[in-house]
Amino acid sequence: MARHRPHRPLALDASHWRDDGQPKVRYPTRADALVAADERSKESGTQLGVYECAFCRGWHMGRRAGRSGRRDS
C-alpha cells in the first residue's frame, strides 16, 4: 500500500523536505546545524552532514550516503 504524503507546494526544492513529507528543521548557521548533526549522528549511528538550503537560505542536515556532494561535515 502506498504511503500518503501531505501536499507540498511545487516551488519548494525536495532538499527542503524529510522523507516523511514534513519540512526539515532550519538552522540559522552552519555551526548550529553541525552541532545538531553531530548529536543526531551519535544518537542514531547514521552519519549526517549539513548543507545550505537554496530555498530558505538556512542550513539543514541529512544522510550523506548515496547523495551528491551537497553535504559536508
PDB file of N, CA and C in Angstrom:
ATOM      1  N   MET A   1       0.842  -1.167   0.000  1.00  0.00           N
ATOM      2  CA  MET A   1       0.000   0.000   0.000  1.00  0.00           C
ATOM      3  C   MET A   1       0.897   1.244   0.000  1.00  0.00           C
ATOM      4  N   ALA A   2       0.609   2.205  -0.846  1.00  0.00           N
ATOM      5  CA  ALA A   2       1.419   3.422  -0.951  1.00  0.00           C
ATOM      6  C   ALA A   2       1.215   4.298   0.281  1.00  0.00           C
ATOM      7  N   ARG A   3       2.295   4.908   0.705  1.00  0.00           N
ATOM      8  CA  ARG A   3       2.249   5.813   1.842  1.00  0.00           C
ATOM      9  C   ARG A   3       1.737   7.168   1.377  1.00  0.00           C
ATOM     10  N   HIS A   4       0.775   7.719   2.096  1.00  0.00           N
ATOM     11  CA  HIS A   4       0.225   9.027   1.748  1.00  0.00           C
ATOM     12  C   HIS A   4       1.149  10.121   2.264  1.00  0.00           C
ATOM     13  N   ARG A   5       1.502  11.042   1.389  1.00  0.00           N
ATOM     14  CA  ARG A   5       2.336  12.180   1.776  1.00  0.00           C
ATOM     15  C   ARG A   5       1.504  13.449   1.678  1.00  0.00           C
ATOM     16  N   PRO A   6       1.720  14.370   2.617  1.00  0.00           N
ATOM     17  CA  PRO A   6       0.971  15.623   2.552  1.00  0.00           C
ATOM     18  C   PRO A   6       1.313  16.408   1.286  1.00  0.00           C
ATOM     19  N   HIS A   7       0.377  17.203   0.840  1.00  0.00           N
ATOM     20  CA  HIS A   7       0.607  18.048  -0.333  1.00  0.00           C
ATOM     21  C   HIS A   7       1.721  19.045  -0.033  1.00  0.00           C
ATOM     22  N   ARG A   8       2.624  19.230  -0.996  1.00  0.00           N
ATOM     23  CA  ARG A   8       3.701  20.204  -0.869  1.00  0.00           C
ATOM     24  C   ARG A   8       3.637  21.173  -2.041  1.00  0.00           C
ATOM     25  N   PRO A   9       3.859  22.460  -1.789  1.00  0.00           N
ATOM     26  CA  PRO A   9       3.924  23.395  -2.916  1.00  0.00           C
ATOM     27  C   PRO A   9       5.062  23.005  -3.857  1.00  0.00           C
ATOM     28  N   LEU A  10       4.841  23.084  -5.142  1.00  0.00           N
ATOM     29  CA  LEU A  10       5.842  22.673  -6.112  1.00  0.00           C
ATOM     30  C   LEU A  10       7.062  23.585  -6.124  1.00  0.00           C
ATOM     31  N   ALA A  11       6.944  24.794  -5.597  1.00  0.00           N
ATOM     32  CA  ALA A  11       8.049  25.748  -5.638  1.00  0.00           C
ATOM     33  C   ALA A  11       9.195  25.360  -4.699  1.00  0.00           C
ATOM     34  N   LEU A  12       8.942  24.498  -3.739  1.00  0.00           N
ATOM     35  CA  LEU A  12       9.983  24.137  -2.782  1.00  0.00           C
ATOM     36  C   LEU A  12      10.851  23.013  -3.316  1.00  0.00           C
ATOM     37  N   ASP A  13      12.121  23.141  -3.147  1.00  0.00           N
ATOM     38  CA  ASP A  13      13.088  22.129  -3.549  1.00  0.00           C
ATOM     39  C   ASP A  13      12.920  20.889  -2.673  1.00  0.00           C
ATOM     40  N   ALA A  14      13.131  19.712  -3.239  1.00  0.00           N
ATOM     41  CA  ALA A  14      12.981  18.458  -2.495  1.00  0.00           C
ATOM     42  C   ALA A  14      13.935  18.379  -1.312  1.00  0.00           C
ATOM     43  N   SER A  15      15.062  19.073  -1.357  1.00  0.00           N
ATOM     44  CA  SER A  15      16.015  19.018  -0.248  1.00  0.00           C
ATOM     45  C   SER A  15      15.499  19.745   0.987  1.00  0.00           C
ATOM     46  N   HIS A  16      14.394  20.434   0.868  1.00  0.00           N
ATOM     47  CA  HIS A  16      13.802  21.168   1.986  1.00  0.00           C
ATOM     48  C   HIS A  16      12.858  20.279   2.803  1.00  0.00           C
ATOM     49  N   TRP A  17      12.621  19.037   2.360  1.00  0.00           N
ATOM     50  CA  TRP A  17      11.629  18.158   2.974  1.00  0.00           C
ATOM     51  C   TRP A  17      12.257  16.847   3.436  1.00  0.00           C
ATOM     52  N   ARG A  18      11.742  16.315   4.541  1.00  0.00           N
ATOM     53  CA  ARG A  18      12.161  15.000   5.026  1.00  0.00           C
ATOM     54  C   ARG A  18      11.445  13.926   4.210  1.00  0.00           C
ATOM     55  N   ASP A  19      11.894  12.689   4.367  1.00  0.00           N
ATOM     56  CA  ASP A  19      11.284  11.566   3.644  1.00  0.00           C
ATOM     57  C   ASP A  19       9.813  11.365   4.003  1.00  0.00           C
ATOM     58  N   ASP A  20       9.414  11.799   5.225  1.00  0.00           N
ATOM     59  CA  ASP A  20       8.024  11.616   5.647  1.00  0.00           C
ATOM     60  C   ASP A  20       7.115  12.766   5.203  1.00  0.00           C
ATOM     61  N   GLY A  21       7.651  13.700   4.403  1.00  0.00           N
ATOM     62  CA  GLY A  21       6.836  14.785   3.879  1.00  0.00           C
ATOM     63  C   GLY A  21       6.828  16.046   4.723  1.00  0.00           C
ATOM     64  N   GLN A  22       7.420  16.003   5.897  1.00  0.00           N
ATOM     65  CA  GLN A  22       7.478  17.173   6.765  1.00  0.00           C
ATOM     66  C   GLN A  22       8.675  18.043   6.390  1.00  0.00           C
ATOM     67  N   PRO A  23       8.589  19.359   6.639  1.00  0.00           N
ATOM     68  CA  PRO A  23       9.737  20.206   6.333  1.00  0.00           C
ATOM     69  C   PRO A  23      10.910  19.891   7.254  1.00  0.00           C
ATOM     70  N   LYS A  24      12.123  20.016   6.725  1.00  0.00           N
ATOM     71  CA  LYS A  24      13.313  19.812   7.546  1.00  0.00           C
ATOM     72  C   LYS A  24      13.470  20.975   8.515  1.00  0.00           C
ATOM     73  N   VAL A  25      14.149  20.718   9.623  1.00  0.00           N
ATOM     74  CA  VAL A  25      14.442  21.768  10.593  1.00  0.00           C
ATOM     75  C   VAL A  25      15.433  22.737   9.950  1.00  0.00           C
ATOM     76  N   ARG A  26      15.173  24.016  10.105  1.00  0.00           N
ATOM     77  CA  ARG A  26      16.065  25.055   9.571  1.00  0.00           C
ATOM     78  C   ARG A  26      16.961  25.546  10.698  1.00  0.00           C
ATOM     79  N   TYR A  27      18.262  25.479  10.470  1.00  0.00           N
ATOM     80  CA  TYR A  27      19.235  26.011  11.420  1.00  0.00           C
ATOM     81  C   TYR A  27      19.762  27.316  10.831  1.00  0.00           C
ATOM     82  N   PRO A  28      19.891  28.358  11.657  1.00  0.00           N
ATOM     83  CA  PRO A  28      20.293  29.656  11.124  1.00  0.00           C
ATOM     84  C   PRO A  28      21.754  29.734  10.675  1.00  0.00           C
ATOM     85  N   THR A  29      22.605  28.909  11.249  1.00  0.00           N
ATOM     86  CA  THR A  29      24.023  28.943  10.879  1.00  0.00           C
ATOM     87  C   THR A  29      24.537  27.526  10.635  1.00  0.00           C
ATOM     88  N   ARG A  30      25.633  27.450   9.901  1.00  0.00           N
ATOM     89  CA  ARG A  30      26.289  26.165   9.654  1.00  0.00           C
ATOM     90  C   ARG A  30      26.728  25.530  10.972  1.00  0.00           C
ATOM     91  N   ALA A  31      27.247  26.357  11.878  1.00  0.00           N
ATOM     92  CA  ALA A  31      27.712  25.845  13.172  1.00  0.00           C
ATOM     93  C   ALA A  31      26.573  25.203  13.950  1.00  0.00           C
ATOM     94  N   ASP A  32      25.402  25.835  13.971  1.00  0.00           N
ATOM     95  CA  ASP A  32      24.236  25.259  14.660  1.00  0.00           C
ATOM     96  C   ASP A  32      23.848  23.918  14.046  1.00  0.00           C
ATOM     97  N   ALA A  33      23.854  23.868  12.719  1.00  0.00           N
ATOM     98  CA  ALA A  33      23.491  22.626  12.028  1.00  0.00           C
ATOM     99  C   ALA A  33      24.512  21.523  12.299  1.00  0.00           C
ATOM    100  N   LEU A  34      25.798  21.871  12.341  1.00  0.00           N
ATOM    101  CA  LEU A  34      26.834  20.866  12.622  1.00  0.00           C
ATOM    102  C   LEU A  34      26.683  20.286  14.019  1.00  0.00           C
ATOM    103  N   VAL A  35      26.374  21.125  15.008  1.00  0.00           N
ATOM    104  CA  VAL A  35      26.174  20.631  16.375  1.00  0.00           C
ATOM    105  C   VAL A  35      24.993  19.662  16.405  1.00  0.00           C
ATOM    106  N   ALA A  36      23.882  20.047  15.772  1.00  0.00           N
ATOM    107  CA  ALA A  36      22.691  19.179  15.745  1.00  0.00           C
ATOM    108  C   ALA A  36      22.982  17.876  15.004  1.00  0.00           C
ATOM    109  N   ALA A  37      23.691  17.951  13.876  1.00  0.00           N
ATOM    110  CA  ALA A  37      24.007  16.751  13.099  1.00  0.00           C
ATOM    111  C   ALA A  37      24.911  15.810  13.885  1.00  0.00           C
ATOM    112  N   ASP A  38      25.875  16.368  14.611  1.00  0.00           N
ATOM    113  CA  ASP A  38      26.767  15.548  15.419  1.00  0.00           C
ATOM    114  C   ASP A  38      25.992  14.826  16.527  1.00  0.00           C
ATOM    115  N   GLU A  39      25.100  15.554  17.208  1.00  0.00           N
ATOM    116  CA  GLU A  39      24.285  14.942  18.261  1.00  0.00           C
ATOM    117  C   GLU A  39      23.390  13.847  17.692  1.00  0.00           C
ATOM    118  N   ARG A  40      22.725  14.121  16.585  1.00  0.00           N
ATOM    119  CA  ARG A  40      21.826  13.143  15.976  1.00  0.00           C
ATOM    120  C   ARG A  40      22.595  11.939  15.457  1.00  0.00           C
ATOM    121  N   SER A  41      23.788  12.167  14.907  1.00  0.00           N
ATOM    122  CA  SER A  41      24.618  11.059  14.420  1.00  0.00           C
ATOM    123  C   SER A  41      24.981  10.120  15.551  1.00  0.00           C
ATOM    124  N   LYS A  42      25.333  10.683  16.703  1.00  0.00           N
ATOM    125  CA  LYS A  42      25.681   9.860  17.868  1.00  0.00           C
ATOM    126  C   LYS A  42      24.480   9.065  18.364  1.00  0.00           C
ATOM    127  N   GLU A  43      23.290   9.671  18.342  1.00  0.00           N
ATOM    128  CA  GLU A  43      22.068   9.001  18.790  1.00  0.00           C
ATOM    129  C   GLU A  43      21.658   7.874  17.852  1.00  0.00           C
ATOM    130  N   SER A  44      21.750   8.130  16.557  1.00  0.00           N
ATOM    131  CA  SER A  44      21.192   7.191  15.582  1.00  0.00           C
ATOM    132  C   SER A  44      22.209   6.228  14.987  1.00  0.00           C
ATOM    133  N   GLY A  45      23.499   6.591  15.063  1.00  0.00           N
ATOM    134  CA  GLY A  45      24.516   5.766  14.439  1.00  0.00           C
ATOM    135  C   GLY A  45      24.599   5.974  12.929  1.00  0.00           C
ATOM    136  N   THR A  46      23.852   6.935  12.401  1.00  0.00           N
ATOM    137  CA  THR A  46      23.866   7.258  10.983  1.00  0.00           C
ATOM    138  C   THR A  46      24.655   8.540  10.787  1.00  0.00           C
ATOM    139  N   GLN A  47      25.626   8.508   9.888  1.00  0.00           N
ATOM    140  CA  GLN A  47      26.430   9.705   9.645  1.00  0.00           C
ATOM    141  C   GLN A  47      25.601  10.754   8.921  1.00  0.00           C
ATOM    142  N   LEU A  48      25.545  11.948   9.491  1.00  0.00           N
ATOM    143  CA  LEU A  48      24.794  13.047   8.906  1.00  0.00           C
ATOM    144  C   LEU A  48      25.741  14.190   8.561  1.00  0.00           C
ATOM    145  N   GLY A  49      25.385  14.904   7.542  1.00  0.00           N
ATOM    146  CA  GLY A  49      26.127  16.084   7.152  1.00  0.00           C
ATOM    147  C   GLY A  49      25.180  17.261   7.073  1.00  0.00           C
ATOM    148  N   VAL A  50      25.695  18.427   6.740  1.00  0.00           N
ATOM    149  CA  VAL A  50      24.860  19.617   6.647  1.00  0.00           C
ATOM    150  C   VAL A  50      25.048  20.272   5.283  1.00  0.00           C
ATOM    151  N   TYR A  51      24.058  21.062   4.884  1.00  0.00           N
ATOM    152  CA  TYR A  51      24.129  21.795   3.624  1.00  0.00           C
ATOM    153  C   TYR A  51      23.267  23.043   3.720  1.00  0.00           C
ATOM    154  N   GLU A  52      23.638  24.053   2.963  1.00  0.00           N
ATOM    155  CA  GLU A  52      22.854  25.275   2.914  1.00  0.00           C
ATOM    156  C   GLU A  52      21.708  25.077   1.928  1.00  0.00           C
ATOM    157  N   CYS A  53      20.509  25.435   2.352  1.00  0.00           N
ATOM    158  CA  CYS A  53      19.312  25.273   1.531  1.00  0.00           C
ATOM    159  C   CYS A  53      19.170  26.470   0.591  1.00  0.00           C
ATOM    160  N   ALA A  54      19.065  26.197  -0.694  1.00  0.00           N
ATOM    161  CA  ALA A  54      18.914  27.253  -1.687  1.00  0.00           C
ATOM    162  C   ALA A  54      17.553  27.933  -1.578  1.00  0.00           C
ATOM    163  N   PHE A  55      16.571  27.257  -0.979  1.00  0.00           N
ATOM    164  CA  PHE A  55      15.236  27.837  -0.880  1.00  0.00           C
ATOM    165  C   PHE A  55      15.120  28.796   0.299  1.00  0.00           C
ATOM    166  N   CYS A  56      15.503  28.338   1.506  1.00  0.00           N
ATOM    167  CA  CYS A  56      15.285  29.146   2.707  1.00  0.00           C
ATOM    168  C   CYS A  56      16.553  29.842   3.198  1.00  0.00           C
ATOM    169  N   ARG A  57      17.696  29.539   2.587  1.00  0.00           N
ATOM    170  CA  ARG A  57      18.985  30.108   2.956  1.00  0.00           C
ATOM    171  C   ARG A  57      19.392  29.766   4.386  1.00  0.00           C
ATOM    172  N   GLY A  58      18.715  28.792   4.972  1.00  0.00           N
ATOM    173  CA  GLY A  58      19.127  28.257   6.259  1.00  0.00           C
ATOM    174  C   GLY A  58      19.968  27.028   6.014  1.00  0.00           C
ATOM    175  N   TRP A  59      20.236  26.284   7.059  1.00  0.00           N
ATOM    176  CA  TRP A  59      21.039  25.070   6.971  1.00  0.00           C
ATOM    177  C   TRP A  59      20.202  23.889   7.419  1.00  0.00           C
ATOM    178  N   HIS A  60      20.347  22.760   6.723  1.00  0.00           N
ATOM    179  CA  HIS A  60      19.659  21.519   7.049  1.00  0.00           C
ATOM    180  C   HIS A  60      20.679  20.409   7.218  1.00  0.00           C
ATOM    181  N   MET A  61      20.255  19.329   7.875  1.00  0.00           N
ATOM    182  CA  MET A  61      21.110  18.153   7.948  1.00  0.00           C
ATOM    183  C   MET A  61      20.451  17.022   7.191  1.00  0.00           C
ATOM    184  N   GLY A  62      21.278  16.064   6.753  1.00  0.00           N
ATOM    185  CA  GLY A  62      20.753  14.921   6.026  1.00  0.00           C
ATOM    186  C   GLY A  62      21.769  13.811   5.956  1.00  0.00           C
ATOM    187  N   ARG A  63      21.293  12.619   5.563  1.00  0.00           N
ATOM    188  CA  ARG A  63      22.200  11.475   5.395  1.00  0.00           C
ATOM    189  C   ARG A  63      23.185  11.775   4.293  1.00  0.00           C
ATOM    190  N   ARG A  64      24.397  11.314   4.461  1.00  0.00           N
ATOM    191  CA  ARG A  64      25.431  11.582   3.467  1.00  0.00           C
ATOM    192  C   ARG A  64      25.547  10.463   2.445  1.00  0.00           C
ATOM    193  N   ALA A  65      25.225   9.249   2.794  1.00  0.00           N
ATOM    194  CA  ALA A  65      25.394   8.101   1.885  1.00  0.00           C
ATOM    195  C   ALA A  65      24.437   8.198   0.715  1.00  0.00           C
ATOM    196  N   GLY A  66      24.966   7.969  -0.485  1.00  0.00           N
ATOM    197  CA  GLY A  66      24.129   7.886  -1.665  1.00  0.00           C
ATOM    198  C   GLY A  66      23.626   9.212  -2.191  1.00  0.00           C
ATOM    199  N   ARG A  67      24.147  10.292  -1.680  1.00  0.00           N
ATOM    200  CA  ARG A  67      23.713  11.609  -2.137  1.00  0.00           C
ATOM    201  C   ARG A  67      24.833  12.291  -2.884  1.00  0.00           C
ATOM    202  N   SER A  68      24.483  13.270  -3.684  1.00  0.00           N
ATOM    203  CA  SER A  68      25.514  14.024  -4.381  1.00  0.00           C
ATOM    204  C   SER A  68      26.280  14.871  -3.374  1.00  0.00           C
ATOM    205  N   GLY A  69      27.385  15.452  -3.762  1.00  0.00           N
ATOM    206  CA  GLY A  69      28.290  16.115  -2.858  1.00  0.00           C
ATOM    207  C   GLY A  69      27.777  17.377  -2.202  1.00  0.00           C
ATOM    208  N   ARG A  70      26.511  17.445  -1.876  1.00  0.00           N
ATOM    209  CA  ARG A  70      25.931  18.643  -1.287  1.00  0.00           C
ATOM    210  C   ARG A  70      26.179  18.758   0.207  1.00  0.00           C
ATOM    211  N   ARG A  71      26.496  17.694   0.878  1.00  0.00           N
ATOM    212  CA  ARG A  71      26.640  17.740   2.318  1.00  0.00           C
ATOM    213  C   ARG A  71      28.096  17.689   2.702  1.00  0.00           C
ATOM    214  N   ASP A  72      28.427  18.349   3.780  1.00  0.00           N
ATOM    215  CA  ASP A  72      29.797  18.272   4.276  1.00  0.00           C
ATOM    216  C   ASP A  72      29.756  18.145   5.786  1.00  0.00           C
ATOM    217  N   SER A  73      30.885  17.881   6.357  1.00  0.00           N
ATOM    218  CA  SER A  73      30.914  17.751   7.812  1.00  0.00           C
ATOM    219  C   SER A  73      32.022  18.613   8.326  1.00  0.00           C
TER     220      SER A  73
END
